[in-house]
PDB file of all heavy atoms in Angstrom:
ATOM      1  N   GLY A   1       8.092   5.530  -1.047  1.00  0.00           N
ATOM      2  CA  GLY A   1       6.960   5.299  -0.180  1.00  0.00           C
ATOM      3  C   GLY A   1       5.676   5.761  -0.869  1.00  0.00           C
ATOM      4  O   GLY A   1       5.667   6.747  -1.587  1.00  0.00           O
ATOM      5  N   ALA A   2       4.605   5.000  -0.677  1.00  0.00           N
ATOM      6  CA  ALA A   2       3.315   5.370  -1.274  1.00  0.00           C
ATOM      7  C   ALA A   2       2.249   4.532  -0.599  1.00  0.00           C
ATOM      8  O   ALA A   2       2.495   3.410  -0.081  1.00  0.00           O
ATOM      9  CB  ALA A   2       3.341   5.074  -2.780  1.00  0.00           C
ATOM     10  N   VAL A   3       1.019   5.037  -0.620  1.00  0.00           N
ATOM     11  CA  VAL A   3      -0.117   4.267  -0.102  1.00  0.00           C
ATOM     12  C   VAL A   3      -0.488   3.226  -1.180  1.00  0.00           C
ATOM     13  O   VAL A   3      -0.602   3.565  -2.354  1.00  0.00           O
ATOM     14  CB  VAL A   3      -1.315   5.185   0.170  1.00  0.00           C
ATOM     15  CG1 VAL A   3      -2.511   4.343   0.618  1.00  0.00           C
ATOM     16  CG2 VAL A   3      -0.954   6.208   1.252  1.00  0.00           C
ATOM     17  N   ARG A   4      -0.642   1.980  -0.752  1.00  0.00           N
ATOM     18  CA  ARG A   4      -1.051   0.916  -1.668  1.00  0.00           C
ATOM     19  C   ARG A   4      -2.460   0.477  -1.339  1.00  0.00           C
ATOM     20  O   ARG A   4      -2.801   0.262  -0.171  1.00  0.00           O
ATOM     21  CB  ARG A   4      -0.112  -0.293  -1.522  1.00  0.00           C
ATOM     22  CG  ARG A   4      -0.434  -1.438  -2.478  1.00  0.00           C
ATOM     23  CD  ARG A   4       0.538  -2.601  -2.299  1.00  0.00           C
ATOM     24  NE  ARG A   4       0.276  -3.345  -1.062  1.00  0.00           N
ATOM     25  CZ  ARG A   4      -0.631  -4.283  -0.898  1.00  0.00           C
ATOM     26  NH1 ARG A   4      -1.433  -4.631  -1.921  1.00  0.00           N
ATOM     27  NH2 ARG A   4      -0.767  -4.910   0.254  1.00  0.00           N
ATOM     28  N   LEU A   5      -3.283   0.376  -2.338  1.00  0.00           N
ATOM     29  CA  LEU A   5      -4.686  -0.080  -2.161  1.00  0.00           C
ATOM     30  C   LEU A   5      -4.740  -1.603  -2.187  1.00  0.00           C
ATOM     31  O   LEU A   5      -4.106  -2.211  -3.033  1.00  0.00           O
ATOM     32  CB  LEU A   5      -5.564   0.524  -3.236  1.00  0.00           C
ATOM     33  CG  LEU A   5      -5.719   2.059  -3.237  1.00  0.00           C
ATOM     34  CD1 LEU A   5      -6.591   2.522  -4.389  1.00  0.00           C
ATOM     35  CD2 LEU A   5      -6.245   2.552  -1.904  1.00  0.00           C
ATOM     36  N   GLY A   6      -5.517  -2.158  -1.272  1.00  0.00           N
ATOM     37  CA  GLY A   6      -5.685  -3.611  -1.204  1.00  0.00           C
ATOM     38  C   GLY A   6      -7.099  -4.021  -1.535  1.00  0.00           C
ATOM     39  O   GLY A   6      -7.817  -3.391  -2.300  1.00  0.00           O
ATOM     40  N   ALA A   7      -7.507  -5.129  -0.911  1.00  0.00           N
ATOM     41  CA  ALA A   7      -8.822  -5.712  -1.214  1.00  0.00           C
ATOM     42  C   ALA A   7      -9.951  -4.817  -0.666  1.00  0.00           C
ATOM     43  O   ALA A   7      -9.742  -4.044   0.261  1.00  0.00           O
ATOM     44  CB  ALA A   7      -8.915  -7.107  -0.561  1.00  0.00           C
ATOM     45  N   MET A   8     -11.111  -4.965  -1.268  1.00  0.00           N
ATOM     46  CA  MET A   8     -12.271  -4.204  -0.850  1.00  0.00           C
ATOM     47  C   MET A   8     -12.806  -4.757   0.481  1.00  0.00           C
ATOM     48  O   MET A   8     -12.959  -5.969   0.638  1.00  0.00           O
ATOM     49  CB  MET A   8     -13.368  -4.236  -1.925  1.00  0.00           C
ATOM     50  CG  MET A   8     -14.411  -3.169  -1.768  1.00  0.00           C
ATOM     51  SD  MET A   8     -13.762  -1.485  -1.943  1.00  0.00           S
ATOM     52  CE  MET A   8     -13.316  -1.452  -3.697  1.00  0.00           C
ATOM     53  N   LEU A   9     -13.091  -3.851   1.422  1.00  0.00           N
ATOM     54  CA  LEU A   9     -13.630  -4.235   2.703  1.00  0.00           C
ATOM     55  C   LEU A   9     -15.149  -4.219   2.693  1.00  0.00           C
ATOM     56  O   LEU A   9     -15.772  -3.639   1.793  1.00  0.00           O
ATOM     57  CB  LEU A   9     -13.122  -3.269   3.778  1.00  0.00           C
ATOM     58  CG  LEU A   9     -11.598  -3.239   3.991  1.00  0.00           C
ATOM     59  CD1 LEU A   9     -11.198  -2.090   4.893  1.00  0.00           C
ATOM     60  CD2 LEU A   9     -11.134  -4.546   4.573  1.00  0.00           C
ATOM     61  N   PRO A  10     -15.798  -4.888   3.660  1.00  0.00           N
ATOM     62  CA  PRO A  10     -17.277  -4.865   3.720  1.00  0.00           C
ATOM     63  C   PRO A  10     -17.844  -3.442   3.784  1.00  0.00           C
ATOM     64  O   PRO A  10     -18.959  -3.211   3.362  1.00  0.00           O
ATOM     65  CB  PRO A  10     -17.591  -5.644   5.012  1.00  0.00           C
ATOM     66  CG  PRO A  10     -16.409  -6.531   5.204  1.00  0.00           C
ATOM     67  CD  PRO A  10     -15.231  -5.768   4.673  1.00  0.00           C
ATOM     68  N   SER A  11     -17.071  -2.504   4.299  1.00  0.00           N
ATOM     69  CA  SER A  11     -17.556  -1.119   4.411  1.00  0.00           C
ATOM     70  C   SER A  11     -17.645  -0.449   3.026  1.00  0.00           C
ATOM     71  O   SER A  11     -18.193   0.659   2.918  1.00  0.00           O
ATOM     72  CB  SER A  11     -16.618  -0.316   5.316  1.00  0.00           C
ATOM     73  OG  SER A  11     -15.320  -0.268   4.753  1.00  0.00           O
ATOM     74  N   GLY A  12     -17.083  -1.086   2.012  1.00  0.00           N
ATOM     75  CA  GLY A  12     -17.135  -0.518   0.681  1.00  0.00           C
ATOM     76  C   GLY A  12     -15.894   0.261   0.326  1.00  0.00           C
ATOM     77  O   GLY A  12     -15.798   0.787  -0.811  1.00  0.00           O
ATOM     78  N   ARG A  13     -14.921   0.368   1.219  1.00  0.00           N
ATOM     79  CA  ARG A  13     -13.683   1.062   0.892  1.00  0.00           C
ATOM     80  C   ARG A  13     -12.568   0.019   0.800  1.00  0.00           C
ATOM     81  O   ARG A  13     -12.623  -1.044   1.444  1.00  0.00           O
ATOM     82  CB  ARG A  13     -13.351   2.100   1.976  1.00  0.00           C
ATOM     83  CG  ARG A  13     -13.026   1.492   3.324  1.00  0.00           C
ATOM     84  CD  ARG A  13     -12.422   2.483   4.293  1.00  0.00           C
ATOM     85  NE  ARG A  13     -12.063   1.861   5.535  1.00  0.00           N
ATOM     86  CZ  ARG A  13     -10.907   1.243   5.737  1.00  0.00           C
ATOM     87  NH1 ARG A  13      -9.979   1.186   4.784  1.00  0.00           N
ATOM     88  NH2 ARG A  13     -10.630   0.689   6.921  1.00  0.00           N
ATOM     89  N   PRO A  14     -11.533   0.291   0.041  1.00  0.00           N
ATOM     90  CA  PRO A  14     -10.406  -0.646  -0.081  1.00  0.00           C
ATOM     91  C   PRO A  14      -9.485  -0.533   1.125  1.00  0.00           C
ATOM     92  O   PRO A  14      -9.415   0.508   1.786  1.00  0.00           O
ATOM     93  CB  PRO A  14      -9.717  -0.223  -1.352  1.00  0.00           C
ATOM     94  CG  PRO A  14      -9.982   1.248  -1.432  1.00  0.00           C
ATOM     95  CD  PRO A  14     -11.353   1.468  -0.869  1.00  0.00           C
ATOM     96  N   GLU A  15      -8.781  -1.615   1.420  1.00  0.00           N
ATOM     97  CA  GLU A  15      -7.709  -1.558   2.418  1.00  0.00           C
ATOM     98  C   GLU A  15      -6.660  -0.568   1.924  1.00  0.00           C
ATOM     99  O   GLU A  15      -6.429  -0.451   0.727  1.00  0.00           O
ATOM    100  CB  GLU A  15      -7.088  -2.933   2.602  1.00  0.00           C
ATOM    101  CG  GLU A  15      -7.941  -3.956   3.289  1.00  0.00           C
ATOM    102  CD  GLU A  15      -7.195  -5.265   3.422  1.00  0.00           C
ATOM    103  OE1 GLU A  15      -6.759  -5.801   2.395  1.00  0.00           O
ATOM    104  OE2 GLU A  15      -7.071  -5.739   4.559  1.00  0.00           O
ATOM    105  N   ALA A  16      -5.996   0.096   2.875  1.00  0.00           N
ATOM    106  CA  ALA A  16      -4.935   1.023   2.523  1.00  0.00           C
ATOM    107  C   ALA A  16      -3.704   0.666   3.327  1.00  0.00           C
ATOM    108  O   ALA A  16      -3.772   0.527   4.554  1.00  0.00           O
ATOM    109  CB  ALA A  16      -5.313   2.471   2.817  1.00  0.00           C
ATOM    110  N   PHE A  17      -2.595   0.456   2.675  1.00  0.00           N
ATOM    111  CA  PHE A  17      -1.349   0.077   3.292  1.00  0.00           C
ATOM    112  C   PHE A  17      -0.320   1.175   3.099  1.00  0.00           C
ATOM    113  O   PHE A  17      -0.217   1.780   1.999  1.00  0.00           O
ATOM    114  CB  PHE A  17      -0.783  -1.220   2.684  1.00  0.00           C
ATOM    115  CG  PHE A  17      -1.655  -2.422   2.874  1.00  0.00           C
ATOM    116  CD1 PHE A  17      -2.626  -2.737   1.944  1.00  0.00           C
ATOM    117  CD2 PHE A  17      -1.513  -3.237   3.948  1.00  0.00           C
ATOM    118  CE1 PHE A  17      -3.455  -3.828   2.079  1.00  0.00           C
ATOM    119  CE2 PHE A  17      -2.309  -4.367   4.133  1.00  0.00           C
ATOM    120  CZ  PHE A  17      -3.295  -4.665   3.196  1.00  0.00           C
ATOM    121  N   ASN A  18       0.425   1.502   4.156  1.00  0.00           N
ATOM    122  CA  ASN A  18       1.578   2.383   4.030  1.00  0.00           C
ATOM    123  C   ASN A  18       2.724   1.519   3.535  1.00  0.00           C
ATOM    124  O   ASN A  18       3.228   0.635   4.265  1.00  0.00           O
ATOM    125  CB  ASN A  18       1.906   3.009   5.391  1.00  0.00           C
ATOM    126  CG  ASN A  18       2.971   4.084   5.311  1.00  0.00           C
ATOM    127  OD1 ASN A  18       3.550   4.331   4.228  1.00  0.00           O
ATOM    128  ND2 ASN A  18       3.247   4.724   6.439  1.00  0.00           N
ATOM    129  N   SER A  19       3.171   1.752   2.331  1.00  0.00           N
ATOM    130  CA  SER A  19       4.037   0.780   1.671  1.00  0.00           C
ATOM    131  C   SER A  19       5.265   1.391   1.041  1.00  0.00           C
ATOM    132  O   SER A  19       5.395   2.608   0.852  1.00  0.00           O
ATOM    133  CB  SER A  19       3.245   0.066   0.567  1.00  0.00           C
ATOM    134  OG  SER A  19       2.119  -0.575   1.034  1.00  0.00           O
ATOM    135  N   LEU A  20       6.224   0.520   0.755  1.00  0.00           N
ATOM    136  CA  LEU A  20       7.360   0.811  -0.128  1.00  0.00           C
ATOM    137  C   LEU A  20       6.982   0.168  -1.475  1.00  0.00           C
ATOM    138  O   LEU A  20       6.571  -0.987  -1.520  1.00  0.00           O
ATOM    139  CB  LEU A  20       8.609   0.196   0.420  1.00  0.00           C
ATOM    140  CG  LEU A  20       9.522   1.081   1.272  1.00  0.00           C
ATOM    141  CD1 LEU A  20      10.581   0.249   1.961  1.00  0.00           C
ATOM    142  CD2 LEU A  20      10.196   2.151   0.422  1.00  0.00           C
ATOM    143  N   ARG A  21       7.200   0.920  -2.552  1.00  0.00           N
ATOM    144  CA  ARG A  21       6.838   0.409  -3.893  1.00  0.00           C
ATOM    145  C   ARG A  21       8.006   0.623  -4.872  1.00  0.00           C
ATOM    146  O   ARG A  21       8.751   1.606  -4.752  1.00  0.00           O
ATOM    147  CB  ARG A  21       5.569   1.111  -4.420  1.00  0.00           C
ATOM    148  CG  ARG A  21       4.449   1.205  -3.362  1.00  0.00           C
ATOM    149  CD  ARG A  21       3.101   1.358  -3.977  1.00  0.00           C
ATOM    150  NE  ARG A  21       2.685   0.100  -4.596  1.00  0.00           N
ATOM    151  CZ  ARG A  21       1.475  -0.070  -5.181  1.00  0.00           C
ATOM    152  NH1 ARG A  21       0.621   0.933  -5.211  1.00  0.00           N
ATOM    153  NH2 ARG A  21       1.151  -1.197  -5.700  1.00  0.00           N
ATOM    154  N   ILE A  22       8.160  -0.342  -5.755  1.00  0.00           N
ATOM    155  CA  ILE A  22       9.187  -0.245  -6.805  1.00  0.00           C
ATOM    156  C   ILE A  22       8.479   0.043  -8.102  1.00  0.00           C
ATOM    157  O   ILE A  22       7.518  -0.681  -8.490  1.00  0.00           O
ATOM    158  CB  ILE A  22      10.000  -1.539  -6.907  1.00  0.00           C
ATOM    159  CG1 ILE A  22      10.667  -1.874  -5.554  1.00  0.00           C
ATOM    160  CG2 ILE A  22      11.036  -1.425  -8.002  1.00  0.00           C
ATOM    161  CD1 ILE A  22      11.316  -3.245  -5.538  1.00  0.00           C
ATOM    162  N   ILE A  23       8.938   1.063  -8.803  1.00  0.00           N
ATOM    163  CA  ILE A  23       8.380   1.393 -10.134  1.00  0.00           C
ATOM    164  C   ILE A  23       9.552   1.327 -11.123  1.00  0.00           C
ATOM    165  O   ILE A  23      10.610   1.948 -10.915  1.00  0.00           O
ATOM    166  CB  ILE A  23       7.738   2.792 -10.153  1.00  0.00           C
ATOM    167  CG1 ILE A  23       6.610   2.829  -9.102  1.00  0.00           C
ATOM    168  CG2 ILE A  23       7.183   3.136 -11.534  1.00  0.00           C
ATOM    169  CD1 ILE A  23       5.978   4.206  -8.946  1.00  0.00           C
ATOM    170  N   ASP A  24       9.360   0.570 -12.196  1.00  0.00           N
ATOM    171  CA  ASP A  24      10.446   0.420 -13.167  1.00  0.00           C
ATOM    172  C   ASP A  24      10.387   1.498 -14.255  1.00  0.00           C
ATOM    173  O   ASP A  24       9.463   2.365 -14.222  1.00  0.00           O
ATOM    174  CB  ASP A  24      10.427  -0.993 -13.783  1.00  0.00           C
ATOM    175  CG  ASP A  24       9.116  -1.324 -14.482  1.00  0.00           C
ATOM    176  OD1 ASP A  24       8.457  -0.362 -15.017  1.00  0.00           O
ATOM    177  OD2 ASP A  24       8.755  -2.495 -14.610  1.00  0.00           O
ATOM    178  N   SER A  25      11.331   1.437 -15.173  1.00  0.00           N
ATOM    179  CA  SER A  25      11.439   2.478 -16.152  1.00  0.00           C
ATOM    180  C   SER A  25      10.340   2.424 -17.219  1.00  0.00           C
ATOM    181  O   SER A  25      10.261   3.298 -18.086  1.00  0.00           O
ATOM    182  CB  SER A  25      12.805   2.436 -16.844  1.00  0.00           C
ATOM    183  OG  SER A  25      13.046   1.128 -17.402  1.00  0.00           O
ATOM    184  N   ASP A  26       9.465   1.426 -17.137  1.00  0.00           N
ATOM    185  CA  ASP A  26       8.286   1.370 -18.010  1.00  0.00           C
ATOM    186  C   ASP A  26       7.051   1.888 -17.279  1.00  0.00           C
ATOM    187  O   ASP A  26       5.949   1.855 -17.857  1.00  0.00           O
ATOM    188  CB  ASP A  26       8.027  -0.068 -18.485  1.00  0.00           C
ATOM    189  CG  ASP A  26       9.165  -0.590 -19.368  1.00  0.00           C
ATOM    190  OD1 ASP A  26       9.699   0.221 -20.156  1.00  0.00           O
ATOM    191  OD2 ASP A  26       9.489  -1.791 -19.274  1.00  0.00           O
ATOM    192  N   GLY A  27       7.195   2.266 -16.011  1.00  0.00           N
ATOM    193  CA  GLY A  27       6.069   2.790 -15.273  1.00  0.00           C
ATOM    194  C   GLY A  27       5.240   1.708 -14.585  1.00  0.00           C
ATOM    195  O   GLY A  27       4.175   1.994 -14.031  1.00  0.00           O
ATOM    196  N   GLY A  28       5.734   0.498 -14.567  1.00  0.00           N
ATOM    197  CA  GLY A  28       5.018  -0.614 -13.915  1.00  0.00           C
ATOM    198  C   GLY A  28       5.491  -0.846 -12.501  1.00  0.00           C
ATOM    199  O   GLY A  28       6.598  -0.436 -12.134  1.00  0.00           O
ATOM    200  N   PHE A  29       4.641  -1.534 -11.701  1.00  0.00           N
ATOM    201  CA  PHE A  29       5.025  -1.891 -10.349  1.00  0.00           C
ATOM    202  C   PHE A  29       5.848  -3.177 -10.354  1.00  0.00           C
ATOM    203  O   PHE A  29       5.472  -4.178 -10.941  1.00  0.00           O
ATOM    204  CB  PHE A  29       3.774  -2.083  -9.474  1.00  0.00           C
ATOM    205  CG  PHE A  29       2.946  -0.816  -9.296  1.00  0.00           C
ATOM    206  CD1 PHE A  29       1.745  -0.661  -9.961  1.00  0.00           C
ATOM    207  CD2 PHE A  29       3.407   0.213  -8.520  1.00  0.00           C
ATOM    208  CE1 PHE A  29       0.967   0.479  -9.804  1.00  0.00           C
ATOM    209  CE2 PHE A  29       2.666   1.378  -8.356  1.00  0.00           C
ATOM    210  CZ  PHE A  29       1.443   1.510  -9.004  1.00  0.00           C
ATOM    211  N   ALA A  30       6.993  -3.113  -9.675  1.00  0.00           N
ATOM    212  CA  ALA A  30       7.916  -4.247  -9.680  1.00  0.00           C
ATOM    213  C   ALA A  30       8.113  -4.838  -8.303  1.00  0.00           C
ATOM    214  O   ALA A  30       8.941  -5.754  -8.142  1.00  0.00           O
ATOM    215  CB  ALA A  30       9.271  -3.802 -10.273  1.00  0.00           C
ATOM    216  N   GLY A  31       7.363  -4.379  -7.308  1.00  0.00           N
ATOM    217  CA  GLY A  31       7.477  -4.958  -5.953  1.00  0.00           C
ATOM    218  C   GLY A  31       6.883  -4.037  -4.911  1.00  0.00           C
ATOM    219  O   GLY A  31       6.774  -2.802  -5.107  1.00  0.00           O
ATOM    220  N   ASP A  32       6.436  -4.638  -3.813  1.00  0.00           N
ATOM    221  CA  ASP A  32       5.819  -3.885  -2.719  1.00  0.00           C
ATOM    222  C   ASP A  32       6.264  -4.463  -1.391  1.00  0.00           C
ATOM    223  O   ASP A  32       6.555  -5.675  -1.283  1.00  0.00           O
ATOM    224  CB  ASP A  32       4.288  -3.971  -2.778  1.00  0.00           C
ATOM    225  CG  ASP A  32       3.727  -3.424  -4.079  1.00  0.00           C
ATOM    226  OD1 ASP A  32       3.902  -2.221  -4.336  1.00  0.00           O
ATOM    227  OD2 ASP A  32       3.088  -4.228  -4.816  1.00  0.00           O
ATOM    228  N   ALA A  33       6.285  -3.622  -0.357  1.00  0.00           N
ATOM    229  CA  ALA A  33       6.494  -4.087   1.006  1.00  0.00           C
ATOM    230  C   ALA A  33       5.634  -3.178   1.896  1.00  0.00           C
ATOM    231  O   ALA A  33       5.745  -1.944   1.840  1.00  0.00           O
ATOM    232  CB  ALA A  33       7.957  -3.990   1.427  1.00  0.00           C
ATOM    233  N   ASP A  34       4.760  -3.782   2.700  1.00  0.00           N
ATOM    234  CA  ASP A  34       3.826  -3.045   3.511  1.00  0.00           C
ATOM    235  C   ASP A  34       4.364  -2.828   4.944  1.00  0.00           C
ATOM    236  O   ASP A  34       5.056  -3.702   5.482  1.00  0.00           O
ATOM    237  CB  ASP A  34       2.474  -3.771   3.616  1.00  0.00           C
ATOM    238  CG  ASP A  34       1.836  -3.979   2.264  1.00  0.00           C
ATOM    239  OD1 ASP A  34       1.979  -3.073   1.418  1.00  0.00           O
ATOM    240  OD2 ASP A  34       1.175  -5.026   2.050  1.00  0.00           O
ATOM    241  N   LYS A  35       4.006  -1.709   5.507  1.00  0.00           N
ATOM    242  CA  LYS A  35       4.406  -1.408   6.891  1.00  0.00           C
ATOM    243  C   LYS A  35       3.647  -2.342   7.834  1.00  0.00           C
ATOM    244  O   LYS A  35       2.433  -2.485   7.753  1.00  0.00           O
ATOM    245  CB  LYS A  35       4.075   0.066   7.222  1.00  0.00           C
ATOM    246  CG  LYS A  35       4.624   0.522   8.580  1.00  0.00           C
ATOM    247  CD  LYS A  35       4.389   1.995   8.807  1.00  0.00           C
ATOM    248  CE  LYS A  35       5.008   2.497  10.100  1.00  0.00           C
ATOM    249  NZ  LYS A  35       4.746   3.923  10.319  1.00  0.00           N
ATOM    250  N   VAL A  36       4.395  -2.938   8.741  1.00  0.00           N
ATOM    251  CA  VAL A  36       3.842  -3.927   9.684  1.00  0.00           C
ATOM    252  C   VAL A  36       3.507  -3.268  11.027  1.00  0.00           C
ATOM    253  O   VAL A  36       2.494  -3.575  11.637  1.00  0.00           O
ATOM    254  CB  VAL A  36       4.846  -5.079   9.875  1.00  0.00           C
ATOM    255  CG1 VAL A  36       4.322  -6.059  10.933  1.00  0.00           C
ATOM    256  CG2 VAL A  36       5.069  -5.796   8.554  1.00  0.00           C
ATOM    257  N   HIS A  37       4.394  -2.383  11.492  1.00  0.00           N
ATOM    258  CA  HIS A  37       4.240  -1.789  12.826  1.00  0.00           C
ATOM    259  C   HIS A  37       3.719  -0.364  12.666  1.00  0.00           C
ATOM    260  O   HIS A  37       4.514   0.580  12.474  1.00  0.00           O
ATOM    261  CB  HIS A  37       5.602  -1.785  13.535  1.00  0.00           C
ATOM    262  CG  HIS A  37       5.500  -1.744  15.008  1.00  0.00           C
ATOM    263  ND1 HIS A  37       6.310  -2.455  15.848  1.00  0.00           N
ATOM    264  CD2 HIS A  37       4.689  -1.029  15.834  1.00  0.00           C
ATOM    265  CE1 HIS A  37       6.008  -2.208  17.113  1.00  0.00           C
ATOM    266  NE2 HIS A  37       5.012  -1.349  17.125  1.00  0.00           N
ATOM    267  N   LEU A  38       2.413  -0.195  12.748  1.00  0.00           N
ATOM    268  CA  LEU A  38       1.776   1.093  12.520  1.00  0.00           C
ATOM    269  C   LEU A  38       1.861   1.975  13.762  1.00  0.00           C
ATOM    270  O   LEU A  38       1.991   1.469  14.894  1.00  0.00           O
ATOM    271  CB  LEU A  38       0.307   0.916  12.111  1.00  0.00           C
ATOM    272  CG  LEU A  38       0.040   0.121  10.838  1.00  0.00           C
ATOM    273  CD1 LEU A  38      -1.468  -0.009  10.606  1.00  0.00           C
ATOM    274  CD2 LEU A  38       0.703   0.785   9.616  1.00  0.00           C
ATOM    275  N   VAL A  39       1.778   3.275  13.541  1.00  0.00           N
ATOM    276  CA  VAL A  39       1.843   4.259  14.639  1.00  0.00           C
ATOM    277  C   VAL A  39       0.443   4.462  15.202  1.00  0.00           C
ATOM    278  O   VAL A  39      -0.448   4.960  14.524  1.00  0.00           O
ATOM    279  CB  VAL A  39       2.394   5.612  14.148  1.00  0.00           C
ATOM    280  CG1 VAL A  39       2.460   6.606  15.286  1.00  0.00           C
ATOM    281  CG2 VAL A  39       3.769   5.424  13.511  1.00  0.00           C
ATOM    282  N   PRO A  40       0.234   4.113  16.489  1.00  0.00           N
ATOM    283  CA  PRO A  40      -1.102   4.378  17.099  1.00  0.00           C
ATOM    284  C   PRO A  40      -1.398   5.873  17.091  1.00  0.00           C
ATOM    285  O   PRO A  40      -0.539   6.710  17.379  1.00  0.00           O
ATOM    286  CB  PRO A  40      -0.937   3.854  18.548  1.00  0.00           C
ATOM    287  CG  PRO A  40       0.276   2.972  18.522  1.00  0.00           C
ATOM    288  CD  PRO A  40       1.157   3.507  17.437  1.00  0.00           C
ATOM    289  N   PHE A  41      -2.640   6.200  16.768  1.00  0.00           N
ATOM    290  CA  PHE A  41      -3.144   7.567  16.700  1.00  0.00           C
ATOM    291  C   PHE A  41      -2.562   8.384  15.549  1.00  0.00           C
ATOM    292  O   PHE A  41      -3.043   9.453  15.266  1.00  0.00           O
ATOM    293  CB  PHE A  41      -2.917   8.301  18.019  1.00  0.00           C
ATOM    294  CG  PHE A  41      -3.542   7.633  19.213  1.00  0.00           C
ATOM    295  CD1 PHE A  41      -2.770   6.870  20.069  1.00  0.00           C
ATOM    296  CD2 PHE A  41      -4.920   7.753  19.440  1.00  0.00           C
ATOM    297  CE1 PHE A  41      -3.366   6.214  21.163  1.00  0.00           C
ATOM    298  CE2 PHE A  41      -5.492   7.089  20.508  1.00  0.00           C
ATOM    299  CZ  PHE A  41      -4.712   6.333  21.382  1.00  0.00           C
ATOM    300  N   GLY A  42      -1.535   7.844  14.881  1.00  0.00           N
ATOM    301  CA  GLY A  42      -1.021   8.499  13.696  1.00  0.00           C
ATOM    302  C   GLY A  42      -1.547   7.850  12.430  1.00  0.00           C
ATOM    303  O   GLY A  42      -1.927   8.531  11.482  1.00  0.00           O
TER     304      GLY A  42
END
């Protein structure tokens, strides 16, 4: 699990996704899956 940065928003900050990420043995990203059902107030 890790926060993934997305596209830049008009506010000047990037989107932030609560994600699952795959990192391979070379240190590269090999896949992502973003959380769809977020916790209100959390």
